Amino acid sequence: MTKKSQYAELDSAILDLLAEAPAKFDSIRVRLESMADALVQPDRYGIKVGWRLIDRRLQSLRQAGKIKHGTTKWSLSD
């Protein structure tokens, strides 16, 4: 499986979560961190930091115009 298709699965999970209701980053992180941890390599201290991948994917989806960030929550774009 390529990284792009792995990210597509995480992207889809993010979009599905936001389709239910707008959510704060912490809520998204809690629900998807185990999926993200499976996609990342441990950092130099041996710790998996899946939340960073979630943040990068949120930013990527925002730049693609699929989601937006309001004052406190992420949501699907109109």
PDB file of N, CA and C in Angstrom:
ATOM      1  N   MET A   1       0.847  -1.181   0.000  1.00  0.00           N
ATOM      2  CA  MET A   1       0.000   0.000   0.000  1.00  0.00           C
ATOM      3  C   MET A   1       0.891   1.241   0.000  1.00  0.00           C
ATOM      4  N   THR A   2       0.607   2.167  -0.870  1.00  0.00           N
ATOM      5  CA  THR A   2       1.416   3.376  -0.942  1.00  0.00           C
ATOM      6  C   THR A   2       0.980   4.360   0.130  1.00  0.00           C
ATOM      7  N   LYS A   3       1.859   5.310   0.414  1.00  0.00           N
ATOM      8  CA  LYS A   3       1.528   6.330   1.407  1.00  0.00           C
ATOM      9  C   LYS A   3       0.298   7.125   0.991  1.00  0.00           C
ATOM     10  N   LYS A   4       0.180   7.407  -0.310  1.00  0.00           N
ATOM     11  CA  LYS A   4      -0.958   8.185  -0.767  1.00  0.00           C
ATOM     12  C   LYS A   4      -2.272   7.473  -0.449  1.00  0.00           C
ATOM     13  N   SER A   5      -2.337   6.170  -0.691  1.00  0.00           N
ATOM     14  CA  SER A   5      -3.575   5.453  -0.398  1.00  0.00           C
ATOM     15  C   SER A   5      -3.782   5.325   1.113  1.00  0.00           C
ATOM     16  N   GLN A   6      -2.708   5.240   1.894  1.00  0.00           N
ATOM     17  CA  GLN A   6      -2.837   5.215   3.349  1.00  0.00           C
ATOM     18  C   GLN A   6      -3.399   6.549   3.837  1.00  0.00           C
ATOM     19  N   TYR A   7      -2.913   7.636   3.273  1.00  0.00           N
ATOM     20  CA  TYR A   7      -3.423   8.949   3.654  1.00  0.00           C
ATOM     21  C   TYR A   7      -4.859   9.121   3.194  1.00  0.00           C
ATOM     22  N   ALA A   8      -5.212   8.515   2.069  1.00  0.00           N
ATOM     23  CA  ALA A   8      -6.585   8.611   1.565  1.00  0.00           C
ATOM     24  C   ALA A   8      -7.555   7.999   2.568  1.00  0.00           C
ATOM     25  N   GLU A   9      -7.160   6.922   3.210  1.00  0.00           N
ATOM     26  CA  GLU A   9      -8.011   6.287   4.222  1.00  0.00           C
ATOM     27  C   GLU A   9      -8.189   7.207   5.432  1.00  0.00           C
ATOM     28  N   LEU A  10      -7.114   7.825   5.874  1.00  0.00           N
ATOM     29  CA  LEU A  10      -7.192   8.761   6.992  1.00  0.00           C
ATOM     30  C   LEU A  10      -7.987   9.999   6.594  1.00  0.00           C
ATOM     31  N   ASP A  11      -7.745  10.504   5.400  1.00  0.00           N
ATOM     32  CA  ASP A  11      -8.512  11.657   4.901  1.00  0.00           C
ATOM     33  C   ASP A  11     -10.003  11.356   4.880  1.00  0.00           C
ATOM     34  N   SER A  12     -10.348  10.171   4.419  1.00  0.00           N
ATOM     35  CA  SER A  12     -11.747   9.760   4.367  1.00  0.00           C
ATOM     36  C   SER A  12     -12.345   9.696   5.769  1.00  0.00           C
ATOM     37  N   ALA A  13     -11.584   9.180   6.719  1.00  0.00           N
ATOM     38  CA  ALA A  13     -12.059   9.101   8.105  1.00  0.00           C
ATOM     39  C   ALA A  13     -12.275  10.499   8.681  1.00  0.00           C
ATOM     40  N   ILE A  14     -11.377  11.422   8.358  1.00  0.00           N
ATOM     41  CA  ILE A  14     -11.536  12.812   8.818  1.00  0.00           C
ATOM     42  C   ILE A  14     -12.804  13.419   8.221  1.00  0.00           C
ATOM     43  N   LEU A  15     -12.996  13.240   6.915  1.00  0.00           N
ATOM     44  CA  LEU A  15     -14.177  13.799   6.253  1.00  0.00           C
ATOM     45  C   LEU A  15     -15.458  13.179   6.799  1.00  0.00           C
ATOM     46  N   ASP A  16     -15.447  11.880   7.062  1.00  0.00           N
ATOM     47  CA  ASP A  16     -16.626  11.217   7.636  1.00  0.00           C
ATOM     48  C   ASP A  16     -16.941  11.771   9.019  1.00  0.00           C
ATOM     49  N   LEU A  17     -15.910  11.965   9.822  1.00  0.00           N
ATOM     50  CA  LEU A  17     -16.104  12.504  11.165  1.00  0.00           C
ATOM     51  C   LEU A  17     -16.695  13.913  11.101  1.00  0.00           C
ATOM     52  N   LEU A  18     -16.168  14.733  10.204  1.00  0.00           N
ATOM     53  CA  LEU A  18     -16.651  16.111  10.092  1.00  0.00           C
ATOM     54  C   LEU A  18     -18.029  16.189   9.437  1.00  0.00           C
ATOM     55  N   ALA A  19     -18.411  15.158   8.690  1.00  0.00           N
ATOM     56  CA  ALA A  19     -19.753  15.124   8.100  1.00  0.00           C
ATOM     57  C   ALA A  19     -20.807  14.956   9.197  1.00  0.00           C
ATOM     58  N   GLU A  20     -20.420  14.294  10.304  1.00  0.00           N
ATOM     59  CA  GLU A  20     -21.331  14.123  11.433  1.00  0.00           C
ATOM     60  C   GLU A  20     -21.601  15.457  12.112  1.00  0.00           C
ATOM     61  N   ALA A  21     -20.539  16.207  12.383  1.00  0.00           N
ATOM     62  CA  ALA A  21     -20.655  17.505  13.056  1.00  0.00           C
ATOM     63  C   ALA A  21     -19.283  18.173  13.071  1.00  0.00           C
ATOM     64  N   PRO A  22     -19.234  19.508  13.104  1.00  0.00           N
ATOM     65  CA  PRO A  22     -17.946  20.187  13.257  1.00  0.00           C
ATOM     66  C   PRO A  22     -17.259  19.705  14.535  1.00  0.00           C
ATOM     67  N   ALA A  23     -15.931  19.675  14.519  1.00  0.00           N
ATOM     68  CA  ALA A  23     -15.205  19.140  15.670  1.00  0.00           C
ATOM     69  C   ALA A  23     -13.929  19.923  15.930  1.00  0.00           C
ATOM     70  N   LYS A  24     -13.560  19.998  17.199  1.00  0.00           N
ATOM     71  CA  LYS A  24     -12.287  20.586  17.593  1.00  0.00           C
ATOM     72  C   LYS A  24     -11.174  19.583  17.303  1.00  0.00           C
ATOM     73  N   PHE A  25      -9.955  20.096  17.192  1.00  0.00           N
ATOM     74  CA  PHE A  25      -8.810  19.236  16.893  1.00  0.00           C
ATOM     75  C   PHE A  25      -8.688  18.113  17.906  1.00  0.00           C
ATOM     76  N   ASP A  26      -8.824  18.410  19.187  1.00  0.00           N
ATOM     77  CA  ASP A  26      -8.662  17.375  20.211  1.00  0.00           C
ATOM     78  C   ASP A  26      -9.660  16.237  20.035  1.00  0.00           C
ATOM     79  N   SER A  27     -10.859  16.554  19.638  1.00  0.00           N
ATOM     80  CA  SER A  27     -11.873  15.523  19.404  1.00  0.00           C
ATOM     81  C   SER A  27     -11.481  14.647  18.213  1.00  0.00           C
ATOM     82  N   ILE A  28     -10.999  15.281  17.159  1.00  0.00           N
ATOM     83  CA  ILE A  28     -10.548  14.538  15.980  1.00  0.00           C
ATOM     84  C   ILE A  28      -9.367  13.657  16.350  1.00  0.00           C
ATOM     85  N   ARG A  29      -8.431  14.225  17.099  1.00  0.00           N
ATOM     86  CA  ARG A  29      -7.230  13.482  17.506  1.00  0.00           C
ATOM     87  C   ARG A  29      -7.595  12.247  18.318  1.00  0.00           C
ATOM     88  N   VAL A  30      -8.474  12.408  19.291  1.00  0.00           N
ATOM     89  CA  VAL A  30      -8.850  11.284  20.142  1.00  0.00           C
ATOM     90  C   VAL A  30      -9.464  10.149  19.326  1.00  0.00           C
ATOM     91  N   ARG A  31     -10.301  10.497  18.382  1.00  0.00           N
ATOM     92  CA  ARG A  31     -11.006   9.471  17.607  1.00  0.00           C
ATOM     93  C   ARG A  31     -10.138   8.809  16.538  1.00  0.00           C
ATOM     94  N   LEU A  32      -9.122   9.526  16.026  1.00  0.00           N
ATOM     95  CA  LEU A  32      -8.355   8.996  14.889  1.00  0.00           C
ATOM     96  C   LEU A  32      -6.876   8.748  15.173  1.00  0.00           C
ATOM     97  N   GLU A  33      -6.431   8.990  16.388  1.00  0.00           N
ATOM     98  CA  GLU A  33      -5.002   8.878  16.667  1.00  0.00           C
ATOM     99  C   GLU A  33      -4.473   7.453  16.486  1.00  0.00           C
ATOM    100  N   SER A  34      -5.242   6.445  16.821  1.00  0.00           N
ATOM    101  CA  SER A  34      -4.736   5.077  16.651  1.00  0.00           C
ATOM    102  C   SER A  34      -4.545   4.758  15.169  1.00  0.00           C
ATOM    103  N   MET A  35      -5.436   5.256  14.316  1.00  0.00           N
ATOM    104  CA  MET A  35      -5.286   5.063  12.874  1.00  0.00           C
ATOM    105  C   MET A  35      -4.036   5.791  12.381  1.00  0.00           C
ATOM    106  N   ALA A  36      -3.841   7.009  12.847  1.00  0.00           N
ATOM    107  CA  ALA A  36      -2.677   7.797  12.431  1.00  0.00           C
ATOM    108  C   ALA A  36      -1.379   7.181  12.955  1.00  0.00           C
ATOM    109  N   ASP A  37      -1.398   6.688  14.191  1.00  0.00           N
ATOM    110  CA  ASP A  37      -0.190   6.063  14.754  1.00  0.00           C
ATOM    111  C   ASP A  37       0.271   4.878  13.916  1.00  0.00           C
ATOM    112  N   ALA A  38      -0.680   4.160  13.320  1.00  0.00           N
ATOM    113  CA  ALA A  38      -0.331   3.010  12.496  1.00  0.00           C
ATOM    114  C   ALA A  38       0.369   3.427  11.195  1.00  0.00           C
ATOM    115  N   LEU A  39       0.219   4.702  10.815  1.00  0.00           N
ATOM    116  CA  LEU A  39       0.788   5.178   9.556  1.00  0.00           C
ATOM    117  C   LEU A  39       2.141   5.869   9.708  1.00  0.00           C
ATOM    118  N   VAL A  40       2.535   6.180  10.939  1.00  0.00           N
ATOM    119  CA  VAL A  40       3.779   6.934  11.130  1.00  0.00           C
ATOM    120  C   VAL A  40       4.850   6.074  11.777  1.00  0.00           C
ATOM    121  N   GLN A  41       6.078   6.467  11.538  1.00  0.00           N
ATOM    122  CA  GLN A  41       7.217   5.839  12.178  1.00  0.00           C
ATOM    123  C   GLN A  41       7.455   6.531  13.524  1.00  0.00           C
ATOM    124  N   PRO A  42       7.991   5.814  14.491  1.00  0.00           N
ATOM    125  CA  PRO A  42       8.312   6.456  15.772  1.00  0.00           C
ATOM    126  C   PRO A  42       9.326   7.577  15.575  1.00  0.00           C
ATOM    127  N   ASP A  43       9.240   8.607  16.415  1.00  0.00           N
ATOM    128  CA  ASP A  43      10.227   9.685  16.340  1.00  0.00           C
ATOM    129  C   ASP A  43      11.559   9.198  16.912  1.00  0.00           C
ATOM    130  N   ARG A  44      12.514  10.076  17.032  1.00  0.00           N
ATOM    131  CA  ARG A  44      13.844   9.645  17.464  1.00  0.00           C
ATOM    132  C   ARG A  44      13.876   9.122  18.896  1.00  0.00           C
ATOM    133  N   TYR A  45      12.804   9.359  19.657  1.00  0.00           N
ATOM    134  CA  TYR A  45      12.711   8.853  21.026  1.00  0.00           C
ATOM    135  C   TYR A  45      11.861   7.582  21.106  1.00  0.00           C
ATOM    136  N   GLY A  46      11.434   7.078  19.958  1.00  0.00           N
ATOM    137  CA  GLY A  46      10.638   5.874  19.923  1.00  0.00           C
ATOM    138  C   GLY A  46       9.153   6.082  20.175  1.00  0.00           C
ATOM    139  N   ILE A  47       8.708   7.330  20.101  1.00  0.00           N
ATOM    140  CA  ILE A  47       7.305   7.662  20.364  1.00  0.00           C
ATOM    141  C   ILE A  47       6.597   7.921  19.040  1.00  0.00           C
ATOM    142  N   LYS A  48       5.433   7.306  18.878  1.00  0.00           N
ATOM    143  CA  LYS A  48       4.631   7.567  17.677  1.00  0.00           C
ATOM    144  C   LYS A  48       3.820   8.841  17.921  1.00  0.00           C
ATOM    145  N   VAL A  49       3.887   9.745  16.976  1.00  0.00           N
ATOM    146  CA  VAL A  49       3.190  11.024  17.116  1.00  0.00           C
ATOM    147  C   VAL A  49       2.166  11.176  15.988  1.00  0.00           C
ATOM    148  N   GLY A  50       1.140  10.349  16.045  1.00  0.00           N
ATOM    149  CA  GLY A  50       0.097  10.357  15.032  1.00  0.00           C
ATOM    150  C   GLY A  50      -0.651  11.672  14.955  1.00  0.00           C
ATOM    151  N   TRP A  51      -0.679  12.408  16.070  1.00  0.00           N
ATOM    152  CA  TRP A  51      -1.397  13.687  16.051  1.00  0.00           C
ATOM    153  C   TRP A  51      -0.778  14.662  15.054  1.00  0.00           C
ATOM    154  N   ARG A  52       0.513  14.548  14.824  1.00  0.00           N
ATOM    155  CA  ARG A  52       1.152  15.430  13.837  1.00  0.00           C
ATOM    156  C   ARG A  52       0.680  15.097  12.427  1.00  0.00           C
ATOM    157  N   LEU A  53       0.511  13.811  12.146  1.00  0.00           N
ATOM    158  CA  LEU A  53      -0.013  13.405  10.847  1.00  0.00           C
ATOM    159  C   LEU A  53      -1.450  13.907  10.692  1.00  0.00           C
ATOM    160  N   ILE A  54      -2.253  13.807  11.733  1.00  0.00           N
ATOM    161  CA  ILE A  54      -3.624  14.315  11.677  1.00  0.00           C
ATOM    162  C   ILE A  54      -3.610  15.803  11.365  1.00  0.00           C
ATOM    163  N   ASP A  55      -2.739  16.544  12.030  1.00  0.00           N
ATOM    164  CA  ASP A  55      -2.648  17.985  11.770  1.00  0.00           C
ATOM    165  C   ASP A  55      -2.251  18.256  10.323  1.00  0.00           C
ATOM    166  N   ARG A  56      -1.281  17.507   9.810  1.00  0.00           N
ATOM    167  CA  ARG A  56      -0.855  17.705   8.417  1.00  0.00           C
ATOM    168  C   ARG A  56      -1.988  17.387   7.440  1.00  0.00           C
ATOM    169  N   ARG A  57      -2.740  16.325   7.722  1.00  0.00           N
ATOM    170  CA  ARG A  57      -3.846  15.967   6.828  1.00  0.00           C
ATOM    171  C   ARG A  57      -4.967  16.989   6.899  1.00  0.00           C
ATOM    172  N   LEU A  58      -5.240  17.539   8.082  1.00  0.00           N
ATOM    173  CA  LEU A  58      -6.241  18.601   8.190  1.00  0.00           C
ATOM    174  C   LEU A  58      -5.823  19.803   7.344  1.00  0.00           C
ATOM    175  N   GLN A  59      -4.557  20.172   7.432  1.00  0.00           N
ATOM    176  CA  GLN A  59      -4.072  21.313   6.657  1.00  0.00           C
ATOM    177  C   GLN A  59      -4.137  21.023   5.162  1.00  0.00           C
ATOM    178  N   SER A  60      -3.814  19.804   4.776  1.00  0.00           N
ATOM    179  CA  SER A  60      -3.870  19.423   3.369  1.00  0.00           C
ATOM    180  C   SER A  60      -5.312  19.467   2.848  1.00  0.00           C
ATOM    181  N   LEU A  61      -6.244  18.945   3.627  1.00  0.00           N
ATOM    182  CA  LEU A  61      -7.656  18.986   3.227  1.00  0.00           C
ATOM    183  C   LEU A  61      -8.174  20.424   3.173  1.00  0.00           C
ATOM    184  N   ARG A  62      -7.690  21.257   4.086  1.00  0.00           N
ATOM    185  CA  ARG A  62      -8.083  22.675   4.070  1.00  0.00           C
ATOM    186  C   ARG A  62      -7.556  23.354   2.811  1.00  0.00           C
ATOM    187  N   GLN A  63      -6.310  23.106   2.467  1.00  0.00           N
ATOM    188  CA  GLN A  63      -5.731  23.708   1.271  1.00  0.00           C
ATOM    189  C   GLN A  63      -6.418  23.221   0.008  1.00  0.00           C
ATOM    190  N   ALA A  64      -6.943  21.995   0.030  1.00  0.00           N
ATOM    191  CA  ALA A  64      -7.663  21.444  -1.121  1.00  0.00           C
ATOM    192  C   ALA A  64      -9.100  21.962  -1.187  1.00  0.00           C
ATOM    193  N   GLY A  65      -9.515  22.718  -0.163  1.00  0.00           N
ATOM    194  CA  GLY A  65     -10.854  23.297  -0.157  1.00  0.00           C
ATOM    195  C   GLY A  65     -11.949  22.347   0.308  1.00  0.00           C
ATOM    196  N   LYS A  66     -11.579  21.215   0.882  1.00  0.00           N
ATOM    197  CA  LYS A  66     -12.572  20.241   1.322  1.00  0.00           C
ATOM    198  C   LYS A  66     -13.111  20.525   2.718  1.00  0.00           C
ATOM    199  N   ILE A  67     -12.272  21.142   3.564  1.00  0.00           N
ATOM    200  CA  ILE A  67     -12.700  21.486   4.916  1.00  0.00           C
ATOM    201  C   ILE A  67     -12.278  22.915   5.219  1.00  0.00           C
ATOM    202  N   LYS A  68     -12.800  23.433   6.309  1.00  0.00           N
ATOM    203  CA  LYS A  68     -12.420  24.779   6.745  1.00  0.00           C
ATOM    204  C   LYS A  68     -12.315  24.790   8.257  1.00  0.00           C
ATOM    205  N   HIS A  69     -11.646  25.801   8.768  1.00  0.00           N
ATOM    206  CA  HIS A  69     -11.509  25.953  10.219  1.00  0.00           C
ATOM    207  C   HIS A  69     -12.161  27.253  10.607  1.00  0.00           C
ATOM    208  N   GLY A  70     -13.115  27.157  11.527  1.00  0.00           N
ATOM    209  CA  GLY A  70     -13.774  28.355  12.056  1.00  0.00           C
ATOM    210  C   GLY A  70     -12.977  28.870  13.225  1.00  0.00           C
ATOM    211  N   THR A  71     -13.641  29.533  14.128  1.00  0.00           N
ATOM    212  CA  THR A  71     -12.936  30.098  15.276  1.00  0.00           C
ATOM    213  C   THR A  71     -12.407  29.020  16.215  1.00  0.00           C
ATOM    214  N   THR A  72     -13.132  27.901  16.331  1.00  0.00           N
ATOM    215  CA  THR A  72     -12.667  26.840  17.240  1.00  0.00           C
ATOM    216  C   THR A  72     -12.784  25.445  16.672  1.00  0.00           C
ATOM    217  N   LYS A  73     -13.523  25.258  15.574  1.00  0.00           N
ATOM    218  CA  LYS A  73     -13.792  23.906  15.098  1.00  0.00           C
ATOM    219  C   LYS A  73     -13.516  23.747  13.600  1.00  0.00           C
ATOM    220  N   TRP A  74     -13.192  22.514  13.230  1.00  0.00           N
ATOM    221  CA  TRP A  74     -13.069  22.124  11.845  1.00  0.00           C
ATOM    222  C   TRP A  74     -14.425  21.683  11.348  1.00  0.00           C
ATOM    223  N   SER A  75     -14.728  21.981  10.069  1.00  0.00           N
ATOM    224  CA  SER A  75     -15.989  21.542   9.473  1.00  0.00           C
ATOM    225  C   SER A  75     -15.781  21.355   7.978  1.00  0.00           C
ATOM    226  N   LEU A  76     -16.778  20.721   7.339  1.00  0.00           N
ATOM    227  CA  LEU A  76     -16.724  20.566   5.894  1.00  0.00           C
ATOM    228  C   LEU A  76     -16.941  21.926   5.240  1.00  0.00           C
ATOM    229  N   SER A  77     -16.300  22.125   4.113  1.00  0.00           N
ATOM    230  CA  SER A  77     -16.512  23.373   3.358  1.00  0.00           C
ATOM    231  C   SER A  77     -17.906  23.355   2.767  1.00  0.00           C
ATOM    232  N   ASP A  78     -18.414  24.545   2.527  1.00  0.00           N
ATOM    233  CA  ASP A  78     -19.758  24.676   1.950  1.00  0.00           C
ATOM    234  C   ASP A  78     -19.801  24.240   0.511  1.00  0.00           C
TER     235      ASP A  78
END
